[in-house]
Amino acid sequence: MSLAPPRENETLIGHTEAEAALVAAMRSGRMHHAWLITGPEGVGKATLAYRFARRLLAGVPEGDDLFLSASSPVFKRVAADTHADFLTVERGLDDKKKRLRSEIVVGDVRQVPAFLHLTPAEGGWRVVVIDGAEHMNRNAANAVLKMLEEPPSRAILLLVCAVPGRLLPTIRSRCCQLRLQALDDDQMEQLLRTGLPNATRAERVRLIALAEGSPGRALQLAEGNGIELSQKAEHILAQLPSLDMGQALELADALAAGEGAYSYFMDLLRHALSVEVRKTARGGVSRLANLRSPEAWVQCWQALTQLQHETELLNLDKKQALIQALVLLSTK
């Protein structure tokens, strides 16, 4: 089981300060025309954006949060993408590769200016959510920048972004920014009890440690066999500097064949390595400290990150990439 997608999710765990800031802005009557909602992947950015959008379309809240019941007609129309005053922009589908494109292109945002300049059909606001704004290519970003420079009245643009550094500085400077923080362990436990009702306490504890405050990541790991893959990653580090290359090749074969297994494993391998490096930096005991300096391990982590990025972006041979990753780890 997983949580409802953001546009259908009426519950937000944590982020009370950010939500309070949005409520205060609504009540002030001086709403900024563009909001940039940032934070780690899977932490609840899109959930907050849709929550804010629904509340804008439904009217100023009576309480201290943005809650709108799933039984509300506004909630239902936003969830079904049928509200006349609401529009979502996200990466489109690549018809040839049958998967999401790597970028939001100018064609994806072309309809936004005309949409925002229309008079609200229901007398309130026109609202656009750009989910994954960091994926906008240069042309799409310039089109959004033009909208921000000439904002229409009664229109709100919500940019959801995990990597704000990828946005044009001029876009960031024209937005009111909200930075969402990782959830604490109690909040993660509360959320995973709902999202993973069949998981054991030990499994939830493990997922919380791996996800580092991101409920979306925890749920993805649960669906992607993340606990077992994390154990494999830690086993690799425990063998260093000598690896059983027979076992390593078997692992590479298995991971390359599994749907999504390569990406999950590489994420978890880098996570396990970063945990050990941070432990050393804080004065803790890590056997990796005897093999290389912290600086050398950081360089190794960066090389693994680059290898994963290029392999996924260019659709390279995953088995070969995994073998290369293991060589990077075992070579002094």
Protein backbone atom coordinates (compact mmCIF):
# COMPACT_ATOMS: atom_id res chain seq x y z
CA MET A 1 0.00 0.00 0.00
CA SER A 2 1.11 3.59 -0.56
CA LEU A 3 -0.19 7.04 0.27
CA ALA A 4 -2.51 8.84 -2.11
CA PRO A 5 -0.75 10.93 -4.78
CA PRO A 6 -0.38 14.63 -3.85
CA ARG A 7 -3.41 15.89 -5.79
CA GLU A 8 -5.61 13.31 -4.00
CA ASN A 9 -4.04 13.52 -0.53
CA GLU A 10 -5.96 15.49 2.09
CA THR A 11 -3.39 14.83 4.85
CA LEU A 12 -0.12 16.68 5.42
CA ILE A 13 2.28 15.47 8.10
CA GLY A 14 4.64 18.14 9.46
CA HIS A 15 5.48 21.47 7.77
CA THR A 16 3.24 23.43 10.15
CA GLU A 17 5.34 26.60 9.86
CA ALA A 18 5.17 26.63 6.07
CA GLU A 19 1.44 25.98 6.15
CA ALA A 20 0.94 28.75 8.71
CA ALA A 21 2.86 31.17 6.45
CA LEU A 22 0.51 30.38 3.57
CA VAL A 23 -2.58 30.80 5.75
CA ALA A 24 -1.27 34.17 6.97
CA ALA A 25 -0.62 35.28 3.40
CA MET A 26 -4.18 34.37 2.38
CA ARG A 27 -5.66 36.28 5.30
CA SER A 28 -3.49 39.34 4.73
CA GLY A 29 -5.09 40.02 1.37
CA ARG A 30 -1.63 40.67 -0.10
CA MET A 31 -0.83 37.39 -1.79
CA HIS A 32 2.49 37.09 -3.61
CA HIS A 33 1.92 36.01 -7.20
CA ALA A 34 4.54 33.23 -7.19
CA TRP A 35 5.69 30.73 -4.57
CA LEU A 36 8.72 28.45 -4.75
CA ILE A 37 8.28 25.37 -2.53
CA THR A 38 11.59 23.57 -2.06
CA GLY A 39 12.99 20.73 0.03
CA PRO A 40 14.27 17.17 -0.25
CA GLU A 41 12.71 14.70 -2.68
CA GLY A 42 9.56 13.06 -1.34
CA VAL A 43 9.21 15.31 1.70
CA GLY A 44 5.72 16.62 0.88
CA LYS A 45 6.32 19.63 -1.39
CA ALA A 46 3.73 18.69 -3.99
CA THR A 47 1.27 17.67 -1.28
CA LEU A 48 1.57 21.15 0.24
CA ALA A 49 1.28 22.82 -3.16
CA TYR A 50 -1.96 21.02 -4.00
CA ARG A 51 -3.24 21.68 -0.49
CA PHE A 52 -2.56 25.39 -0.96
CA ALA A 53 -4.09 25.38 -4.46
CA ARG A 54 -7.31 23.73 -3.26
CA ARG A 55 -7.60 26.20 -0.40
CA LEU A 56 -7.10 29.17 -2.74
CA LEU A 57 -9.87 27.88 -4.98
CA ALA A 58 -12.20 27.14 -2.05
CA GLY A 59 -11.70 30.42 -0.13
CA VAL A 60 -9.88 31.66 2.96
CA PRO A 61 -9.75 28.95 5.66
CA GLU A 62 -11.57 29.42 8.93
CA GLY A 63 -8.99 27.44 10.90
CA ASP A 64 -5.22 27.69 11.23
CA ASP A 65 -4.33 25.30 8.42
CA LEU A 66 -5.14 24.70 4.75
CA PHE A 67 -7.18 21.55 5.27
CA LEU A 68 -9.99 20.87 2.83
CA SER A 69 -12.03 17.69 3.13
CA ALA A 70 -11.80 15.13 0.35
CA SER A 71 -15.60 15.33 0.19
CA SER A 72 -15.40 18.97 -0.95
CA PRO A 73 -16.41 19.58 -4.60
CA VAL A 74 -13.27 21.69 -5.06
CA PHE A 75 -11.09 18.86 -3.73
CA LYS A 76 -12.76 16.37 -6.06
CA ARG A 77 -12.37 18.56 -9.15
CA VAL A 78 -8.70 19.30 -8.46
CA ALA A 79 -8.06 15.59 -7.90
CA ALA A 80 -9.79 14.78 -11.19
CA ASP A 81 -8.03 17.68 -12.98
CA THR A 82 -11.38 19.15 -14.02
CA HIS A 83 -11.37 22.46 -12.12
CA ALA A 84 -11.68 25.35 -14.58
CA ASP A 85 -9.32 27.58 -12.59
CA PHE A 86 -6.56 25.05 -11.94
CA LEU A 87 -3.75 23.77 -14.15
CA THR A 88 -0.83 21.39 -13.52
CA VAL A 89 2.43 21.32 -15.49
CA GLU A 90 4.89 18.44 -15.16
CA ARG A 91 7.19 16.37 -17.32
CA GLY A 92 5.32 14.88 -20.25
CA LEU A 93 5.49 11.34 -21.57
CA ASP A 94 8.08 10.44 -24.20
CA ASP A 95 5.96 8.55 -26.72
CA LYS A 96 8.95 6.68 -28.17
CA LYS A 97 10.53 5.56 -24.91
CA LYS A 98 7.20 5.18 -23.06
CA ARG A 99 8.49 6.96 -19.97
CA LEU A 100 8.61 10.48 -18.55
CA ARG A 101 10.83 12.89 -20.43
CA SER A 102 13.93 14.11 -18.61
CA GLU A 103 12.84 17.74 -19.08
CA ILE A 104 9.85 20.04 -18.92
CA VAL A 105 9.93 21.64 -22.36
CA VAL A 106 8.52 24.93 -23.58
CA GLY A 107 5.53 23.15 -25.10
CA ASP A 108 4.54 21.98 -21.62
CA VAL A 109 4.30 25.57 -20.31
CA ARG A 110 3.00 27.25 -23.46
CA GLN A 111 -0.61 27.23 -22.30
CA VAL A 112 0.16 28.76 -18.90
CA PRO A 113 0.28 32.51 -19.80
CA ALA A 114 -3.10 32.45 -21.55
CA PHE A 115 -4.59 30.39 -18.73
CA LEU A 116 -3.42 32.78 -16.01
CA HIS A 117 -4.66 35.87 -17.90
CA LEU A 118 -8.21 34.53 -18.10
CA THR A 119 -10.75 35.85 -15.65
CA PRO A 120 -11.29 33.25 -12.90
CA ALA A 121 -14.31 31.19 -13.88
CA GLU A 122 -15.51 30.97 -10.27
CA GLY A 123 -14.61 34.48 -9.17
CA GLY A 124 -11.56 33.59 -7.07
CA TRP A 125 -8.07 32.72 -8.29
CA ARG A 126 -6.40 31.07 -11.25
CA VAL A 127 -3.78 28.63 -9.95
CA VAL A 128 -0.96 26.80 -11.75
CA VAL A 129 1.30 24.18 -10.15
CA ILE A 130 4.59 23.38 -11.91
CA ASP A 131 5.69 20.13 -10.31
CA GLY A 132 9.38 19.31 -10.70
CA ALA A 133 10.33 22.83 -11.77
CA GLU A 134 14.03 21.93 -11.64
CA HIS A 135 13.44 19.86 -14.80
CA MET A 136 12.54 22.89 -16.93
CA ASN A 137 14.90 23.34 -19.84
CA ARG A 138 16.20 26.78 -20.80
CA ASN A 139 13.31 27.67 -23.12
CA ALA A 140 10.67 26.56 -20.63
CA ALA A 141 12.42 28.46 -17.82
CA ASN A 142 12.55 31.64 -19.90
CA ALA A 143 8.84 31.33 -20.66
CA VAL A 144 8.09 31.02 -16.93
CA LEU A 145 10.38 33.98 -16.18
CA LYS A 146 8.40 36.16 -18.58
CA MET A 147 5.21 35.25 -16.70
CA LEU A 148 6.83 36.19 -13.41
CA GLU A 149 7.92 39.55 -14.82
CA GLU A 150 4.38 40.37 -15.98
CA PRO A 151 2.07 38.68 -13.46
CA PRO A 152 -1.66 38.99 -14.06
CA SER A 153 -4.02 39.81 -11.20
CA ARG A 154 -5.84 37.08 -9.27
CA ALA A 155 -3.33 34.47 -10.51
CA ILE A 156 -0.94 32.34 -8.48
CA LEU A 157 2.00 30.28 -9.75
CA LEU A 158 3.32 27.49 -7.49
CA LEU A 159 6.73 26.04 -8.36
CA VAL A 160 7.57 22.72 -6.69
CA CYS A 161 11.32 22.15 -6.80
CA ALA A 162 13.75 19.71 -5.17
CA VAL A 163 16.88 21.37 -6.58
CA PRO A 164 16.37 25.16 -6.60
CA GLY A 165 19.98 25.69 -7.68
CA ARG A 166 18.98 24.46 -11.14
CA LEU A 167 16.48 27.28 -11.56
CA LEU A 168 17.42 30.61 -13.09
CA PRO A 169 18.43 33.05 -10.31
CA THR A 170 15.95 35.52 -11.76
CA ILE A 171 13.13 32.99 -11.26
CA ARG A 172 14.14 32.35 -7.64
CA SER A 173 14.37 36.09 -6.92
CA ARG A 174 10.81 36.69 -8.12
CA CYS A 175 9.26 34.00 -5.94
CA CYS A 176 8.34 33.91 -2.29
CA GLN A 177 10.28 30.88 -1.08
CA LEU A 178 9.20 28.17 1.34
CA ARG A 179 11.81 25.59 2.33
CA LEU A 180 10.39 22.34 3.70
CA GLN A 181 12.54 20.36 6.10
CA ALA A 182 12.93 16.61 6.45
CA LEU A 183 10.41 15.01 8.80
CA ASP A 184 11.54 13.82 12.22
CA ASP A 185 11.41 10.13 13.17
CA ASP A 186 8.08 10.42 15.01
CA GLN A 187 6.44 12.06 12.01
CA MET A 188 7.91 9.43 9.71
CA GLU A 189 6.61 6.65 11.97
CA GLN A 190 3.13 8.21 11.93
CA LEU A 191 3.13 8.42 8.16
CA LEU A 192 4.52 4.94 7.53
CA ARG A 193 1.96 3.38 9.83
CA THR A 194 -0.64 4.68 7.37
CA GLY A 195 1.30 4.11 4.17
CA LEU A 196 2.69 0.67 5.10
CA PRO A 197 0.15 -0.88 7.46
CA ASN A 198 1.58 -4.39 6.99
CA ALA A 199 5.19 -3.45 7.70
CA THR A 200 6.74 -4.60 10.97
CA ARG A 201 8.15 -2.17 13.49
CA ALA A 202 11.69 -3.28 12.55
CA GLU A 203 11.00 -2.67 8.87
CA ARG A 204 9.65 0.82 9.55
CA VAL A 205 12.68 1.66 11.70
CA ARG A 206 14.99 0.53 8.93
CA LEU A 207 13.11 2.50 6.27
CA ILE A 208 13.12 5.62 8.45
CA ALA A 209 16.90 5.38 8.79
CA LEU A 210 17.36 4.93 5.04
CA ALA A 211 14.89 7.64 3.99
CA GLU A 212 16.38 10.41 6.15
CA GLY A 213 13.12 12.26 6.72
CA SER A 214 11.57 11.73 3.28
CA PRO A 215 8.31 9.75 3.39
CA GLY A 216 8.20 9.52 -0.39
CA ARG A 217 11.62 7.90 -0.43
CA ALA A 218 10.65 5.50 2.35
CA LEU A 219 7.61 4.31 0.41
CA GLN A 220 9.62 3.95 -2.80
CA LEU A 221 12.23 1.89 -0.99
CA ALA A 222 9.54 -0.31 0.51
CA GLU A 223 8.09 -0.98 -2.94
CA GLY A 224 11.55 -1.46 -4.47
CA ASN A 225 12.86 -4.03 -1.99
CA GLY A 226 15.01 -1.31 -0.45
CA ILE A 227 15.73 -3.06 2.85
CA GLU A 228 17.31 -6.08 1.15
CA LEU A 229 19.22 -3.87 -1.29
CA SER A 230 20.55 -1.73 1.57
CA GLN A 231 21.86 -4.88 3.24
CA LYS A 232 23.64 -5.84 0.02
CA ALA A 233 25.19 -2.37 -0.19
CA GLU A 234 26.42 -2.54 3.39
CA HIS A 235 27.81 -6.03 2.75
CA ILE A 236 29.84 -4.63 -0.15
CA LEU A 237 31.36 -1.95 2.07
CA ALA A 238 32.07 -4.50 4.81
CA GLN A 239 34.19 -6.56 2.38
CA LEU A 240 36.47 -3.70 1.33
CA PRO A 241 39.21 -3.49 0.26
CA SER A 242 38.84 -7.04 -1.10
CA LEU A 243 35.70 -8.02 -2.97
CA ASP A 244 34.63 -11.49 -4.01
CA MET A 245 34.37 -10.71 -7.72
CA GLY A 246 32.35 -13.86 -8.35
CA GLN A 247 29.70 -12.65 -5.95
CA ALA A 248 30.04 -9.14 -7.33
CA LEU A 249 29.32 -10.33 -10.87
CA GLU A 250 26.29 -12.30 -9.68
CA LEU A 251 25.03 -9.19 -7.89
CA ALA A 252 25.58 -7.08 -11.01
CA ASP A 253 23.65 -9.60 -13.12
CA ALA A 254 20.72 -9.65 -10.71
CA LEU A 255 20.52 -5.88 -10.27
CA ALA A 256 20.86 -5.10 -13.97
CA ALA A 257 17.96 -7.42 -14.75
CA GLY A 258 15.59 -6.04 -12.11
CA GLU A 259 13.25 -3.16 -12.89
CA GLY A 260 14.60 -0.11 -11.07
CA ALA A 261 16.99 -2.20 -8.96
CA TYR A 262 20.10 -0.50 -10.34
CA SER A 263 18.95 2.97 -9.32
CA TYR A 264 17.80 1.88 -5.88
CA PHE A 265 21.02 -0.02 -5.21
CA MET A 266 23.26 2.85 -6.33
CA ASP A 267 21.29 5.28 -4.17
CA LEU A 268 21.63 2.96 -1.19
CA LEU A 269 25.31 2.26 -1.84
CA ARG A 270 26.05 5.99 -1.85
CA HIS A 271 23.89 6.41 1.25
CA ALA A 272 25.78 3.70 3.12
CA LEU A 273 29.10 5.24 2.08
CA SER A 274 28.00 8.72 3.19
CA VAL A 275 26.91 7.35 6.58
CA GLU A 276 30.36 5.90 7.14
CA VAL A 277 32.14 9.06 5.99
CA ARG A 278 29.98 11.25 8.24
CA LYS A 279 30.67 8.89 11.13
CA THR A 280 34.41 9.37 10.63
CA ALA A 281 34.07 13.14 10.28
CA ARG A 282 32.27 13.28 13.63
CA GLY A 283 34.98 11.32 15.41
CA GLY A 284 33.23 7.97 15.28
CA VAL A 285 34.75 4.62 14.43
CA SER A 286 34.50 3.42 10.83
CA ARG A 287 36.70 0.74 9.30
CA LEU A 288 36.62 2.70 6.03
CA ALA A 289 38.79 5.36 7.69
CA ASN A 290 41.69 2.88 7.64
CA LEU A 291 41.36 2.38 3.89
CA ARG A 292 41.23 5.96 2.57
CA SER A 293 41.09 9.50 3.85
CA PRO A 294 37.66 11.16 4.23
CA GLU A 295 38.52 13.39 1.26
CA ALA A 296 39.28 10.35 -0.90
CA TRP A 297 35.97 8.73 0.09
CA VAL A 298 34.13 11.94 -0.79
CA GLN A 299 35.75 11.83 -4.23
CA CYS A 300 34.66 8.20 -4.56
CA TRP A 301 31.09 9.15 -3.61
CA GLN A 302 31.12 11.90 -6.24
CA ALA A 303 32.41 9.46 -8.87
CA LEU A 304 29.63 7.01 -8.01
CA THR A 305 27.08 9.82 -8.31
CA GLN A 306 28.39 10.82 -11.72
CA LEU A 307 28.45 7.21 -12.89
CA GLN A 308 24.83 6.68 -11.84
CA HIS A 309 23.69 9.95 -13.44
CA GLU A 310 25.34 9.19 -16.79
CA THR A 311 24.11 5.60 -16.83
CA GLU A 312 20.50 6.61 -16.19
CA LEU A 313 20.57 9.67 -18.47
CA LEU A 314 22.17 7.90 -21.43
CA ASN A 315 20.61 4.47 -20.79
CA LEU A 316 24.02 2.80 -20.60
CA ASP A 317 24.72 -0.84 -19.71
CA LYS A 318 23.72 -1.16 -16.07
CA LYS A 319 25.70 -4.34 -15.44
CA GLN A 320 28.88 -2.69 -16.66
CA ALA A 321 28.12 0.39 -14.58
CA LEU A 322 27.68 -1.72 -11.44
CA ILE A 323 30.98 -3.49 -12.03
CA GLN A 324 32.64 -0.11 -12.52
CA ALA A 325 31.12 1.09 -9.24
CA LEU A 326 32.53 -1.89 -7.37
CA VAL A 327 35.95 -1.26 -8.92
CA LEU A 328 35.80 2.37 -7.77
CA LEU A 329 35.14 1.21 -4.23
CA SER A 330 37.84 -1.43 -4.11
CA THR A 331 40.62 0.55 -5.84
CA LYS A 332 42.78 2.61 -3.48
